[in-house]
């Protein structure tokens, strides 16, 4: 991704994370589908970055 990807955004549900545009969830410009792409924190919780790096015990 071209932009710096935020690890803990305040309101991830308000943005589509499917491409570098980071459009508002109700105004997706890229045509990335009919639904927005969720941020990993929404799927995996606040420690998603450690989980993705394999740092959990």
PDB file of N, CA and C in Angstrom:
ATOM      1  N   UNK A   1       0.827  -1.167   0.000  1.00  0.00           N
ATOM      2  CA  UNK A   1       0.000   0.000   0.000  1.00  0.00           C
ATOM      3  C   UNK A   1       0.884   1.247   0.000  1.00  0.00           C
ATOM      4  N   UNK A   2       0.457   2.236  -0.723  1.00  0.00           N
ATOM      5  CA  UNK A   2       1.253   3.443  -0.871  1.00  0.00           C
ATOM      6  C   UNK A   2       1.236   4.318   0.373  1.00  0.00           C
ATOM      7  N   UNK A   3       0.084   4.457   1.007  1.00  0.00           N
ATOM      8  CA  UNK A   3      -0.018   5.274   2.208  1.00  0.00           C
ATOM      9  C   UNK A   3       0.370   4.449   3.428  1.00  0.00           C
ATOM     10  N   UNK A   4       0.751   5.144   4.487  1.00  0.00           N
ATOM     11  CA  UNK A   4       1.043   4.441   5.734  1.00  0.00           C
ATOM     12  C   UNK A   4      -0.253   3.853   6.276  1.00  0.00           C
ATOM     13  N   UNK A   5      -0.270   2.584   6.530  1.00  0.00           N
ATOM     14  CA  UNK A   5      -1.460   1.887   6.996  1.00  0.00           C
ATOM     15  C   UNK A   5      -1.586   2.055   8.501  1.00  0.00           C
ATOM     16  N   UNK A   6      -2.673   2.673   8.988  1.00  0.00           N
ATOM     17  CA  UNK A   6      -2.831   2.873  10.428  1.00  0.00           C
ATOM     18  C   UNK A   6      -3.103   1.554  11.144  1.00  0.00           C
ATOM     19  N   UNK A   7      -2.410   1.322  12.235  1.00  0.00           N
ATOM     20  CA  UNK A   7      -2.573   0.062  12.958  1.00  0.00           C
ATOM     21  C   UNK A   7      -3.758   0.067  13.909  1.00  0.00           C
ATOM     22  N   UNK A   8      -4.113   1.235  14.448  1.00  0.00           N
ATOM     23  CA  UNK A   8      -5.242   1.340  15.384  1.00  0.00           C
ATOM     24  C   UNK A   8      -6.053   2.606  15.099  1.00  0.00           C
ATOM     25  N   UNK A   9      -6.816   2.628  14.014  1.00  0.00           N
ATOM     26  CA  UNK A   9      -7.627   3.816  13.725  1.00  0.00           C
ATOM     27  C   UNK A   9      -8.748   3.981  14.742  1.00  0.00           C
ATOM     28  N   UNK A  10      -9.176   5.231  14.962  1.00  0.00           N
ATOM     29  CA  UNK A  10     -10.216   5.508  15.962  1.00  0.00           C
ATOM     30  C   UNK A  10     -11.554   4.903  15.577  1.00  0.00           C
ATOM     31  N   UNK A  11     -11.952   5.033  14.332  1.00  0.00           N
ATOM     32  CA  UNK A  11     -13.251   4.529  13.867  1.00  0.00           C
ATOM     33  C   UNK A  11     -13.063   3.741  12.574  1.00  0.00           C
ATOM     34  N   UNK A  12     -12.536   2.517  12.655  1.00  0.00           N
ATOM     35  CA  UNK A  12     -12.273   1.752  11.432  1.00  0.00           C
ATOM     36  C   UNK A  12     -13.533   1.416  10.642  1.00  0.00           C
ATOM     37  N   UNK A  13     -14.678   1.407  11.304  1.00  0.00           N
ATOM     38  CA  UNK A  13     -15.933   1.058  10.643  1.00  0.00           C
ATOM     39  C   UNK A  13     -16.402   2.141   9.673  1.00  0.00           C
ATOM     40  N   UNK A  14     -15.817   3.319   9.739  1.00  0.00           N
ATOM     41  CA  UNK A  14     -16.230   4.424   8.872  1.00  0.00           C
ATOM     42  C   UNK A  14     -15.501   4.449   7.528  1.00  0.00           C
ATOM     43  N   UNK A  15     -14.499   3.602   7.355  1.00  0.00           N
ATOM     44  CA  UNK A  15     -13.650   3.646   6.166  1.00  0.00           C
ATOM     45  C   UNK A  15     -13.595   2.274   5.507  1.00  0.00           C
ATOM     46  N   UNK A  16     -13.494   2.278   4.176  1.00  0.00           N
ATOM     47  CA  UNK A  16     -13.232   1.042   3.435  1.00  0.00           C
ATOM     48  C   UNK A  16     -11.722   0.909   3.301  1.00  0.00           C
ATOM     49  N   UNK A  17     -11.182  -0.208   3.716  1.00  0.00           N
ATOM     50  CA  UNK A  17      -9.736  -0.416   3.735  1.00  0.00           C
ATOM     51  C   UNK A  17      -9.258  -1.251   2.554  1.00  0.00           C
ATOM     52  N   UNK A  18     -10.083  -1.378   1.512  1.00  0.00           N
ATOM     53  CA  UNK A  18      -9.782  -2.266   0.394  1.00  0.00           C
ATOM     54  C   UNK A  18      -8.729  -1.782  -0.584  1.00  0.00           C
ATOM     55  N   UNK A  19      -8.389  -0.499  -0.580  1.00  0.00           N
ATOM     56  CA  UNK A  19      -7.364   0.016  -1.493  1.00  0.00           C
ATOM     57  C   UNK A  19      -6.712   1.246  -0.863  1.00  0.00           C
ATOM     58  N   UNK A  20      -5.853   1.905  -1.592  1.00  0.00           N
ATOM     59  CA  UNK A  20      -5.135   3.067  -1.077  1.00  0.00           C
ATOM     60  C   UNK A  20      -5.984   4.327  -0.968  1.00  0.00           C
ATOM     61  N   UNK A  21      -7.211   4.298  -1.453  1.00  0.00           N
ATOM     62  CA  UNK A  21      -8.052   5.499  -1.408  1.00  0.00           C
ATOM     63  C   UNK A  21      -8.656   5.744  -0.035  1.00  0.00           C
ATOM     64  N   UNK A  22      -8.865   4.695   0.764  1.00  0.00           N
ATOM     65  CA  UNK A  22      -9.469   4.798   2.087  1.00  0.00           C
ATOM     66  C   UNK A  22     -10.740   5.649   2.054  1.00  0.00           C
ATOM     67  N   UNK A  23     -11.668   5.267   1.206  1.00  0.00           N
ATOM     68  CA  UNK A  23     -12.925   6.004   1.042  1.00  0.00           C
ATOM     69  C   UNK A  23     -13.831   5.838   2.256  1.00  0.00           C
ATOM     70  N   UNK A  24     -14.749   6.776   2.387  1.00  0.00           N
ATOM     71  CA  UNK A  24     -15.783   6.632   3.412  1.00  0.00           C
ATOM     72  C   UNK A  24     -16.617   5.404   3.070  1.00  0.00           C
ATOM     73  N   UNK A  25     -17.096   4.716   4.076  1.00  0.00           N
ATOM     74  CA  UNK A  25     -17.830   3.463   3.868  1.00  0.00           C
ATOM     75  C   UNK A  25     -19.090   3.660   3.031  1.00  0.00           C
ATOM     76  N   UNK A  26     -19.655   4.838   3.046  1.00  0.00           N
ATOM     77  CA  UNK A  26     -20.873   5.079   2.271  1.00  0.00           C
ATOM     78  C   UNK A  26     -20.613   5.767   0.939  1.00  0.00           C
ATOM     79  N   UNK A  27     -19.346   5.927   0.546  1.00  0.00           N
ATOM     80  CA  UNK A  27     -19.010   6.602  -0.706  1.00  0.00           C
ATOM     81  C   UNK A  27     -17.746   5.991  -1.313  1.00  0.00           C
ATOM     82  N   UNK A  28     -17.792   4.715  -1.645  1.00  0.00           N
ATOM     83  CA  UNK A  28     -16.613   4.033  -2.171  1.00  0.00           C
ATOM     84  C   UNK A  28     -16.427   4.360  -3.649  1.00  0.00           C
ATOM     85  N   UNK A  29     -15.281   4.936  -3.979  1.00  0.00           N
ATOM     86  CA  UNK A  29     -15.009   5.398  -5.332  1.00  0.00           C
ATOM     87  C   UNK A  29     -14.332   4.348  -6.214  1.00  0.00           C
ATOM     88  N   UNK A  30     -13.727   3.341  -5.641  1.00  0.00           N
ATOM     89  CA  UNK A  30     -12.932   2.405  -6.429  1.00  0.00           C
ATOM     90  C   UNK A  30     -13.745   1.275  -7.041  1.00  0.00           C
ATOM     91  N   UNK A  31     -14.956   1.076  -6.590  1.00  0.00           N
ATOM     92  CA  UNK A  31     -15.736  -0.052  -7.104  1.00  0.00           C
ATOM     93  C   UNK A  31     -15.207  -1.373  -6.607  1.00  0.00           C
ATOM     94  N   UNK A  32     -14.710  -1.397  -5.391  1.00  0.00           N
ATOM     95  CA  UNK A  32     -14.091  -2.572  -4.802  1.00  0.00           C
ATOM     96  C   UNK A  32     -15.122  -3.616  -4.361  1.00  0.00           C
ATOM     97  N   UNK A  33     -16.321  -3.503  -4.838  1.00  0.00           N
ATOM     98  CA  UNK A  33     -17.358  -4.443  -4.430  1.00  0.00           C
ATOM     99  C   UNK A  33     -18.529  -3.704  -3.830  1.00  0.00           C
ATOM    100  N   UNK A  34     -19.498  -4.442  -3.391  1.00  0.00           N
ATOM    101  CA  UNK A  34     -20.697  -3.804  -2.854  1.00  0.00           C
ATOM    102  C   UNK A  34     -20.601  -3.535  -1.363  1.00  0.00           C
ATOM    103  N   UNK A  35     -19.602  -4.087  -0.704  1.00  0.00           N
ATOM    104  CA  UNK A  35     -19.414  -3.886   0.727  1.00  0.00           C
ATOM    105  C   UNK A  35     -18.007  -3.391   0.991  1.00  0.00           C
ATOM    106  N   UNK A  36     -17.855  -2.686   2.083  1.00  0.00           N
ATOM    107  CA  UNK A  36     -16.523  -2.166   2.415  1.00  0.00           C
ATOM    108  C   UNK A  36     -15.633  -3.284   2.945  1.00  0.00           C
ATOM    109  N   UNK A  37     -14.349  -3.108   2.802  1.00  0.00           N
ATOM    110  CA  UNK A  37     -13.372  -4.043   3.340  1.00  0.00           C
ATOM    111  C   UNK A  37     -13.051  -3.626   4.769  1.00  0.00           C
ATOM    112  N   UNK A  38     -13.152  -4.550   5.697  1.00  0.00           N
ATOM    113  CA  UNK A  38     -12.912  -4.245   7.111  1.00  0.00           C
ATOM    114  C   UNK A  38     -11.417  -4.107   7.400  1.00  0.00           C
ATOM    115  N   UNK A  39     -11.104  -3.332   8.412  1.00  0.00           N
ATOM    116  CA  UNK A  39      -9.727  -3.184   8.895  1.00  0.00           C
ATOM    117  C   UNK A  39      -9.398  -4.440   9.715  1.00  0.00           C
ATOM    118  N   UNK A  40      -8.155  -4.894   9.728  1.00  0.00           N
ATOM    119  CA  UNK A  40      -7.801  -6.087  10.513  1.00  0.00           C
ATOM    120  C   UNK A  40      -8.147  -6.000  11.993  1.00  0.00           C
ATOM    121  N   UNK A  41      -8.138  -4.806  12.570  1.00  0.00           N
ATOM    122  CA  UNK A  41      -8.492  -4.670  13.987  1.00  0.00           C
ATOM    123  C   UNK A  41      -9.943  -5.072  14.226  1.00  0.00           C
ATOM    124  N   UNK A  42     -10.791  -4.930  13.215  1.00  0.00           N
ATOM    125  CA  UNK A  42     -12.189  -5.331  13.347  1.00  0.00           C
ATOM    126  C   UNK A  42     -12.333  -6.846  13.347  1.00  0.00           C
ATOM    127  N   UNK A  43     -11.468  -7.525  12.650  1.00  0.00           N
ATOM    128  CA  UNK A  43     -11.527  -8.996  12.563  1.00  0.00           C
ATOM    129  C   UNK A  43     -10.780  -9.677  13.697  1.00  0.00           C
ATOM    130  N   UNK A  44      -9.586  -9.170  14.009  1.00  0.00           N
ATOM    131  CA  UNK A  44      -8.683  -9.890  14.904  1.00  0.00           C
ATOM    132  C   UNK A  44      -8.466  -9.233  16.262  1.00  0.00           C
ATOM    133  N   UNK A  45      -9.010  -8.042  16.487  1.00  0.00           N
ATOM    134  CA  UNK A  45      -8.861  -7.367  17.773  1.00  0.00           C
ATOM    135  C   UNK A  45      -7.677  -6.420  17.814  1.00  0.00           C
ATOM    136  N   UNK A  46      -7.497  -5.770  18.960  1.00  0.00           N
ATOM    137  CA  UNK A  46      -6.466  -4.747  19.104  1.00  0.00           C
ATOM    138  C   UNK A  46      -5.046  -5.268  18.950  1.00  0.00           C
ATOM    139  N   UNK A  47      -4.823  -6.535  19.207  1.00  0.00           N
ATOM    140  CA  UNK A  47      -3.469  -7.088  19.094  1.00  0.00           C
ATOM    141  C   UNK A  47      -3.219  -7.736  17.739  1.00  0.00           C
ATOM    142  N   UNK A  48      -3.946  -7.328  16.717  1.00  0.00           N
ATOM    143  CA  UNK A  48      -3.843  -7.946  15.397  1.00  0.00           C
ATOM    144  C   UNK A  48      -2.441  -7.842  14.810  1.00  0.00           C
ATOM    145  N   UNK A  49      -1.737  -6.752  15.064  1.00  0.00           N
ATOM    146  CA  UNK A  49      -0.405  -6.571  14.476  1.00  0.00           C
ATOM    147  C   UNK A  49       0.600  -7.566  15.052  1.00  0.00           C
ATOM    148  N   UNK A  50       0.493  -7.851  16.352  1.00  0.00           N
ATOM    149  CA  UNK A  50       1.383  -8.853  16.952  1.00  0.00           C
ATOM    150  C   UNK A  50       1.030 -10.251  16.433  1.00  0.00           C
ATOM    151  N   UNK A  51      -0.269 -10.511  16.292  1.00  0.00           N
ATOM    152  CA  UNK A  51      -0.715 -11.801  15.770  1.00  0.00           C
ATOM    153  C   UNK A  51      -0.212 -12.005  14.345  1.00  0.00           C
ATOM    154  N   UNK A  52      -0.277 -10.954  13.532  1.00  0.00           N
ATOM    155  CA  UNK A  52       0.130 -11.089  12.132  1.00  0.00           C
ATOM    156  C   UNK A  52       1.634 -11.303  12.007  1.00  0.00           C
ATOM    157  N   UNK A  53       2.388 -10.848  12.983  1.00  0.00           N
ATOM    158  CA  UNK A  53       3.845 -11.022  12.977  1.00  0.00           C
ATOM    159  C   UNK A  53       4.272 -12.309  13.671  1.00  0.00           C
ATOM    160  N   UNK A  54       3.321 -13.007  14.277  1.00  0.00           N
ATOM    161  CA  UNK A  54       3.638 -14.249  14.969  1.00  0.00           C
ATOM    162  C   UNK A  54       4.302 -14.020  16.314  1.00  0.00           C
ATOM    163  N   UNK A  55       3.996 -12.914  16.983  1.00  0.00           N
ATOM    164  CA  UNK A  55       4.632 -12.559  18.245  1.00  0.00           C
ATOM    165  C   UNK A  55       3.875 -13.015  19.473  1.00  0.00           C
ATOM    166  N   UNK A  56       2.718 -13.640  19.310  1.00  0.00           N
ATOM    167  CA  UNK A  56       1.984 -14.097  20.484  1.00  0.00           C
ATOM    168  C   UNK A  56       2.536 -15.418  20.979  1.00  0.00           C
ATOM    169  N   UNK A  57       2.343 -15.655  22.244  1.00  0.00           N
ATOM    170  CA  UNK A  57       2.831 -16.904  22.829  1.00  0.00           C
ATOM    171  C   UNK A  57       1.796 -17.973  22.741  1.00  0.00           C
TER     172      UNK A  57
END
